[in-house]
N, C-alpha and C. Protein backbone atom coordinates (compact mmCIF):
# COMPACT_ATOMS: atom_id res chain seq x y z
N UNK A 1 -57.36 7.13 -105.68
CA UNK A 1 -56.70 6.53 -105.16
C UNK A 1 -55.30 6.54 -105.54
N UNK A 2 -55.06 6.22 -106.62
CA UNK A 2 -53.70 6.60 -107.30
C UNK A 2 -52.78 7.97 -106.51
N UNK A 3 -53.54 9.03 -106.77
CA UNK A 3 -52.94 10.31 -106.50
C UNK A 3 -52.72 10.27 -104.95
N UNK A 4 -53.58 9.81 -104.19
CA UNK A 4 -53.15 9.52 -102.46
C UNK A 4 -52.02 8.79 -102.57
N UNK A 5 -51.58 7.66 -103.29
CA UNK A 5 -50.81 6.77 -102.87
C UNK A 5 -49.22 7.40 -103.41
N UNK A 6 -49.32 8.14 -104.47
CA UNK A 6 -47.90 8.90 -105.03
C UNK A 6 -48.13 9.76 -104.05
N UNK A 7 -48.93 10.66 -103.76
CA UNK A 7 -48.57 12.00 -102.44
C UNK A 7 -48.05 11.12 -101.07
N UNK A 8 -48.52 9.77 -100.70
CA UNK A 8 -47.72 8.94 -99.62
C UNK A 8 -46.35 8.82 -99.63
N UNK A 9 -46.32 8.50 -101.28
CA UNK A 9 -44.69 7.75 -101.95
C UNK A 9 -43.60 9.42 -101.60
N UNK A 10 -44.09 10.15 -102.16
CA UNK A 10 -43.55 11.29 -101.93
C UNK A 10 -43.36 11.72 -100.72
N UNK A 11 -43.90 11.62 -99.42
CA UNK A 11 -43.72 12.21 -98.35
C UNK A 11 -43.18 11.18 -97.54
N UNK A 12 -43.02 10.10 -97.97
CA UNK A 12 -41.72 9.18 -97.57
C UNK A 12 -40.27 9.05 -98.05
N UNK A 13 -40.49 9.57 -99.58
CA UNK A 13 -39.19 10.09 -99.85
C UNK A 13 -38.19 11.16 -99.37
N UNK A 14 -39.03 12.20 -99.35
CA UNK A 14 -39.14 13.38 -98.15
C UNK A 14 -38.26 13.37 -96.73
N UNK A 15 -38.68 12.48 -96.39
CA UNK A 15 -38.52 12.03 -94.84
C UNK A 15 -37.07 10.92 -94.87
N UNK A 16 -37.52 10.17 -96.00
CA UNK A 16 -36.01 9.19 -96.16
C UNK A 16 -34.77 10.23 -96.40
N UNK A 17 -34.86 10.79 -97.46
CA UNK A 17 -34.06 11.56 -97.88
C UNK A 17 -33.71 12.45 -96.50
N UNK A 18 -34.45 13.17 -95.31
CA UNK A 18 -34.04 14.29 -94.52
C UNK A 18 -33.48 13.00 -92.95
N UNK A 19 -33.65 11.69 -93.11
CA UNK A 19 -33.30 10.89 -92.28
C UNK A 19 -31.76 10.29 -93.18
N UNK A 20 -31.38 10.66 -93.99
CA UNK A 20 -29.90 10.07 -94.72
C UNK A 20 -29.28 11.46 -94.33
N UNK A 21 -29.40 12.74 -94.36
CA UNK A 21 -29.05 13.84 -93.90
C UNK A 21 -28.35 13.79 -92.63
N UNK A 22 -29.75 13.67 -92.24
CA UNK A 22 -29.18 13.46 -90.44
C UNK A 22 -28.02 12.69 -90.10
N UNK A 23 -28.36 11.21 -90.64
CA UNK A 23 -27.30 10.44 -90.15
C UNK A 23 -25.59 10.66 -90.97
N UNK A 24 -25.97 11.52 -91.69
CA UNK A 24 -23.93 12.09 -92.72
C UNK A 24 -24.26 13.08 -91.23
N UNK A 25 -24.96 14.05 -91.05
CA UNK A 25 -24.86 15.25 -90.03
C UNK A 25 -23.74 14.32 -88.62
N UNK A 26 -24.76 13.21 -87.78
CA UNK A 26 -24.04 12.64 -86.83
C UNK A 26 -22.85 11.84 -87.08
N UNK A 27 -22.24 11.15 -88.10
CA UNK A 27 -20.98 10.92 -88.72
C UNK A 27 -20.29 11.81 -89.45
N UNK A 28 -20.29 12.68 -89.42
CA UNK A 28 -19.33 13.74 -89.67
C UNK A 28 -19.61 15.08 -89.09
N UNK A 29 -20.06 15.46 -88.76
CA UNK A 29 -19.76 16.85 -88.11
C UNK A 29 -19.74 16.86 -86.25
N UNK A 30 -18.82 18.08 -85.97
CA UNK A 30 -18.62 17.97 -84.73
C UNK A 30 -20.31 18.19 -83.35
N UNK A 31 -20.16 17.89 -82.91
CA UNK A 31 -21.08 18.71 -82.00
C UNK A 31 -21.84 20.17 -82.00
N UNK A 32 -20.96 21.35 -81.95
CA UNK A 32 -21.22 22.75 -82.28
C UNK A 32 -22.32 22.72 -83.35
N UNK A 33 -21.53 21.94 -84.56
CA UNK A 33 -22.54 22.38 -86.54
C UNK A 33 -23.59 21.35 -86.09
N UNK A 34 -23.80 20.01 -84.95
CA UNK A 34 -24.86 19.41 -85.36
C UNK A 34 -26.00 20.32 -84.35
N UNK A 35 -25.76 20.63 -83.49
CA UNK A 35 -26.63 21.69 -82.67
C UNK A 35 -27.34 22.57 -83.68
N UNK A 36 -26.22 23.86 -84.50
CA UNK A 36 -26.55 24.80 -85.45
C UNK A 36 -27.54 24.11 -86.28
N UNK A 37 -26.96 23.07 -86.78
CA UNK A 37 -27.79 22.30 -87.57
C UNK A 37 -29.07 22.22 -87.16
N UNK A 38 -29.35 21.66 -85.95
CA UNK A 38 -30.45 21.54 -85.50
C UNK A 38 -31.56 22.62 -85.75
N UNK A 39 -31.14 23.49 -84.86
CA UNK A 39 -31.73 24.81 -84.54
C UNK A 39 -31.48 25.41 -85.56
N UNK A 40 -31.24 25.69 -86.75
CA UNK A 40 -31.73 25.86 -88.17
C UNK A 40 -32.87 25.04 -88.93
N UNK A 41 -33.01 24.13 -88.18
CA UNK A 41 -33.74 22.91 -88.69
C UNK A 41 -35.05 23.60 -88.17
N UNK A 42 -35.29 23.35 -86.80
CA UNK A 42 -36.46 23.96 -85.95
C UNK A 42 -36.75 25.23 -86.64
N UNK A 43 -36.39 26.58 -86.71
CA UNK A 43 -36.34 27.50 -86.53
C UNK A 43 -37.36 27.61 -88.25
N UNK A 44 -36.69 26.63 -89.28
CA UNK A 44 -37.20 26.48 -90.58
C UNK A 44 -38.63 26.10 -90.74
N UNK A 45 -38.70 24.98 -89.52
CA UNK A 45 -40.38 24.39 -89.26
C UNK A 45 -41.45 25.35 -88.79
N UNK A 46 -40.54 25.91 -87.33
CA UNK A 46 -41.26 26.74 -86.72
C UNK A 46 -41.28 27.89 -86.07
N UNK A 47 -39.90 28.73 -87.06
CA UNK A 47 -39.69 29.96 -86.78
C UNK A 47 -40.63 31.15 -86.76
N UNK A 48 -40.60 31.89 -85.64
CA UNK A 48 -41.67 33.05 -85.34
C UNK A 48 -40.91 34.50 -85.63
N UNK A 49 -40.76 35.17 -86.27
CA UNK A 49 -40.22 36.37 -86.77
C UNK A 49 -40.33 37.54 -85.17
N UNK A 50 -39.63 38.12 -84.35
CA UNK A 50 -39.87 38.90 -83.11
C UNK A 50 -38.74 40.07 -83.31
N UNK A 51 -38.92 41.07 -83.04
CA UNK A 51 -38.06 42.11 -82.67
C UNK A 51 -37.13 41.76 -82.65
N UNK A 52 -36.53 40.95 -81.81
CA UNK A 52 -35.04 40.78 -81.62
C UNK A 52 -34.86 39.50 -82.02
N UNK A 53 -35.35 38.54 -83.01
CA UNK A 53 -34.62 37.35 -83.30
C UNK A 53 -35.57 36.93 -84.05
N UNK A 54 -35.75 35.48 -84.56
CA UNK A 54 -36.39 34.68 -84.86
C UNK A 54 -36.62 33.49 -83.02
N UNK A 55 -37.65 32.90 -83.01
CA UNK A 55 -38.24 32.44 -81.78
C UNK A 55 -38.55 30.76 -82.56
N UNK A 56 -38.22 30.11 -81.85
CA UNK A 56 -39.02 28.73 -82.22
C UNK A 56 -39.88 28.70 -81.59
N UNK A 57 -40.68 27.95 -82.13
CA UNK A 57 -42.61 28.71 -81.87
C UNK A 57 -43.45 27.75 -80.98
N UNK A 58 -42.27 26.91 -80.21
CA UNK A 58 -42.91 25.39 -79.25
C UNK A 58 -41.95 25.78 -78.49
N UNK A 59 -42.34 24.60 -77.17
CA UNK A 59 -41.16 24.58 -75.88
C UNK A 59 -40.49 23.87 -76.51
N UNK A 60 -39.06 24.31 -76.13
CA UNK A 60 -37.87 23.34 -76.28
C UNK A 60 -36.81 23.41 -75.18
N UNK A 61 -36.56 22.31 -75.00
CA UNK A 61 -35.42 22.37 -73.60
C UNK A 61 -34.09 21.98 -74.21
N UNK A 62 -33.17 22.14 -73.50
CA UNK A 62 -31.71 21.91 -73.77
C UNK A 62 -31.35 20.16 -73.74
N UNK A 63 -32.11 19.30 -73.05
CA UNK A 63 -32.03 18.16 -72.74
C UNK A 63 -32.86 17.69 -74.47
N UNK A 64 -34.32 18.44 -74.93
CA UNK A 64 -34.54 17.88 -76.27
C UNK A 64 -33.35 18.22 -77.40
N UNK A 65 -32.73 19.53 -77.31
CA UNK A 65 -31.90 19.05 -78.20
C UNK A 65 -30.57 17.91 -78.04
N UNK A 66 -30.30 18.15 -77.00
CA UNK A 66 -29.29 17.17 -76.54
C UNK A 66 -30.17 15.75 -77.45
N UNK A 67 -31.20 15.10 -77.40
CA UNK A 67 -31.21 14.39 -78.05
C UNK A 67 -31.79 13.91 -79.07
N UNK A 68 -31.93 15.63 -79.96
CA UNK A 68 -32.01 15.52 -81.27
C UNK A 68 -30.66 15.88 -82.07
N UNK A 69 -29.62 15.46 -81.01
CA UNK A 69 -28.10 16.21 -81.54
C UNK A 69 -27.24 14.74 -81.57
N UNK A 70 -28.07 14.00 -80.53
CA UNK A 70 -26.95 12.67 -80.37
C UNK A 70 -25.64 13.40 -79.48
N UNK A 71 -25.99 13.93 -77.96
CA UNK A 71 -24.68 14.51 -77.71
C UNK A 71 -25.41 14.57 -75.89
N UNK A 72 -24.83 15.37 -75.03
CA UNK A 72 -24.70 15.08 -73.72
C UNK A 72 -26.04 16.62 -73.61
N UNK A 73 -26.30 16.42 -72.16
CA UNK A 73 -27.04 17.95 -71.67
C UNK A 73 -26.31 18.60 -71.59
N UNK A 74 -24.65 18.33 -71.22
CA UNK A 74 -23.97 19.22 -70.47
C UNK A 74 -23.15 19.80 -71.82
N UNK A 75 -22.99 18.84 -73.21
CA UNK A 75 -22.52 19.74 -73.91
C UNK A 75 -23.39 20.67 -74.91
N UNK A 76 -24.68 20.49 -74.80
CA UNK A 76 -25.59 21.32 -75.23
C UNK A 76 -25.36 22.73 -74.69
N UNK A 77 -25.34 22.71 -72.99
CA UNK A 77 -25.58 23.36 -72.32
C UNK A 77 -23.91 24.45 -72.13
N UNK A 78 -23.01 23.74 -72.61
CA UNK A 78 -22.10 24.94 -72.84
C UNK A 78 -22.21 25.09 -73.95
N UNK A 79 -22.60 24.61 -74.87
CA UNK A 79 -22.21 25.22 -76.07
C UNK A 79 -23.13 26.46 -76.10
N UNK A 80 -24.34 25.74 -75.87
CA UNK A 80 -25.68 27.31 -75.90
C UNK A 80 -25.32 28.36 -75.00
N UNK A 81 -24.54 27.90 -74.16
CA UNK A 81 -24.03 29.55 -73.07
C UNK A 81 -23.13 30.20 -73.79
N UNK A 82 -21.83 29.62 -74.43
CA UNK A 82 -21.13 30.19 -75.08
C UNK A 82 -21.98 30.78 -76.20
N UNK A 83 -22.59 30.75 -77.55
CA UNK A 83 -23.34 31.38 -78.23
C UNK A 83 -24.36 32.36 -77.45
N UNK A 84 -24.64 32.33 -76.32
CA UNK A 84 -25.46 33.58 -76.03
C UNK A 84 -24.31 34.94 -75.47
N UNK A 85 -23.46 34.05 -74.90
CA UNK A 85 -22.18 34.89 -74.66
C UNK A 85 -21.68 35.88 -75.61
N UNK A 86 -21.83 35.61 -76.68
CA UNK A 86 -21.56 35.90 -78.04
C UNK A 86 -22.93 36.69 -78.84
N UNK A 87 -24.07 36.75 -78.49
CA UNK A 87 -25.06 37.39 -78.69
C UNK A 87 -25.72 36.03 -79.99
N UNK A 88 -25.12 35.26 -80.04
CA UNK A 88 -25.90 34.52 -81.61
C UNK A 88 -27.47 33.97 -81.09
N UNK A 89 -27.85 33.53 -79.41
CA UNK A 89 -29.13 33.38 -79.53
C UNK A 89 -29.45 33.88 -77.67
N UNK A 90 -30.30 33.64 -77.50
CA UNK A 90 -31.15 34.31 -76.43
C UNK A 90 -31.54 33.10 -75.80
N UNK A 91 -31.56 32.36 -74.83
CA UNK A 91 -32.75 31.67 -74.02
C UNK A 91 -33.13 31.95 -72.97
N UNK A 92 -34.12 30.58 -72.32
CA UNK A 92 -34.83 30.88 -71.26
C UNK A 92 -35.34 29.51 -70.67
N UNK A 93 -36.62 29.48 -70.12
CA UNK A 93 -36.62 28.25 -69.69
C UNK A 93 -37.35 27.54 -70.69
N UNK A 94 -37.25 26.22 -71.98
CA UNK A 94 -38.06 26.00 -72.62
C UNK A 94 -38.14 26.69 -73.67
N UNK A 95 -37.52 28.02 -74.00
CA UNK A 95 -37.56 28.60 -75.20
C UNK A 95 -36.09 28.41 -75.82
N UNK A 96 -36.29 29.48 -76.93
CA UNK A 96 -35.10 29.52 -77.76
C UNK A 96 -35.07 30.70 -79.05
N UNK A 97 -34.46 31.81 -78.79
CA UNK A 97 -34.20 32.98 -79.39
C UNK A 97 -33.18 32.77 -80.56
N UNK A 98 -32.66 32.89 -81.38
CA UNK A 98 -32.01 33.06 -82.81
C UNK A 98 -32.14 34.88 -83.02
N UNK A 99 -30.81 35.28 -82.14
CA UNK A 99 -30.79 36.79 -83.00
C UNK A 99 -29.62 37.24 -84.11
N UNK A 100 -29.16 36.01 -84.61
CA UNK A 100 -28.11 36.29 -85.19
C UNK A 100 -28.32 34.79 -86.57
N UNK A 101 -29.14 34.71 -86.90
CA UNK A 101 -29.31 33.63 -88.06
C UNK A 101 -28.31 33.31 -88.89
N UNK A 102 -27.63 34.48 -89.56
CA UNK A 102 -26.27 34.24 -90.38
C UNK A 102 -24.99 33.80 -89.76
N UNK A 103 -25.02 34.14 -88.46
CA UNK A 103 -23.71 33.73 -87.78
C UNK A 103 -24.11 32.48 -87.21
N UNK A 104 -25.33 32.07 -86.97
CA UNK A 104 -25.59 30.48 -86.59
C UNK A 104 -24.99 29.35 -88.16
N UNK A 105 -25.28 30.34 -89.52
CA UNK A 105 -25.49 29.37 -90.42
C UNK A 105 -23.90 29.02 -90.96
N UNK A 106 -23.39 30.35 -90.11
CA UNK A 106 -21.96 30.24 -90.47
C UNK A 106 -21.05 29.19 -89.39
N UNK A 107 -21.88 29.45 -88.56
CA UNK A 107 -21.31 28.15 -87.19
C UNK A 107 -21.61 26.67 -88.33
N UNK A 108 -22.86 26.36 -88.55
CA UNK A 108 -22.67 25.43 -89.10
C UNK A 108 -22.24 24.75 -90.28
N UNK A 109 -21.90 25.62 -91.41
CA UNK A 109 -20.79 25.62 -92.37
C UNK A 109 -19.77 25.58 -92.27
N UNK A 110 -19.52 26.08 -91.02
CA UNK A 110 -17.56 26.45 -91.45
C UNK A 110 -17.08 24.94 -90.98
N UNK A 111 -15.47 24.75 -91.74
CA UNK A 111 -15.06 24.02 -92.00
C UNK A 111 -13.92 23.41 -91.06
N UNK A 112 -14.06 22.45 -90.26
CA UNK A 112 -13.58 22.17 -89.03
C UNK A 112 -12.00 22.75 -89.04
N UNK A 113 -11.25 23.30 -88.18
CA UNK A 113 -9.60 23.48 -88.15
C UNK A 113 -9.12 22.06 -87.83
């Protein structure tokens, strides 16, 4: 029983640190960087390698990304369309393929001008 309690505490600790990181993102990052962070997290959790890039392994809509990042559907659509035009991602109905992970990482970590 003590091992189970310790495991539970570790899981809760990990989730607490994750929530703290997300709160810092909401408070300090602009919308494109928050979206980039969210997409990179989703790739870490459920990314599937394909010839053309890495696909998020479950259906996700632009509205879902808006909810994850605390912004509007309009902002997410505008930003993802811009990223598609620059070849970073490819989207479809409830699907997201990241073609350039290093480019997305650069967007996530770029210092605001």
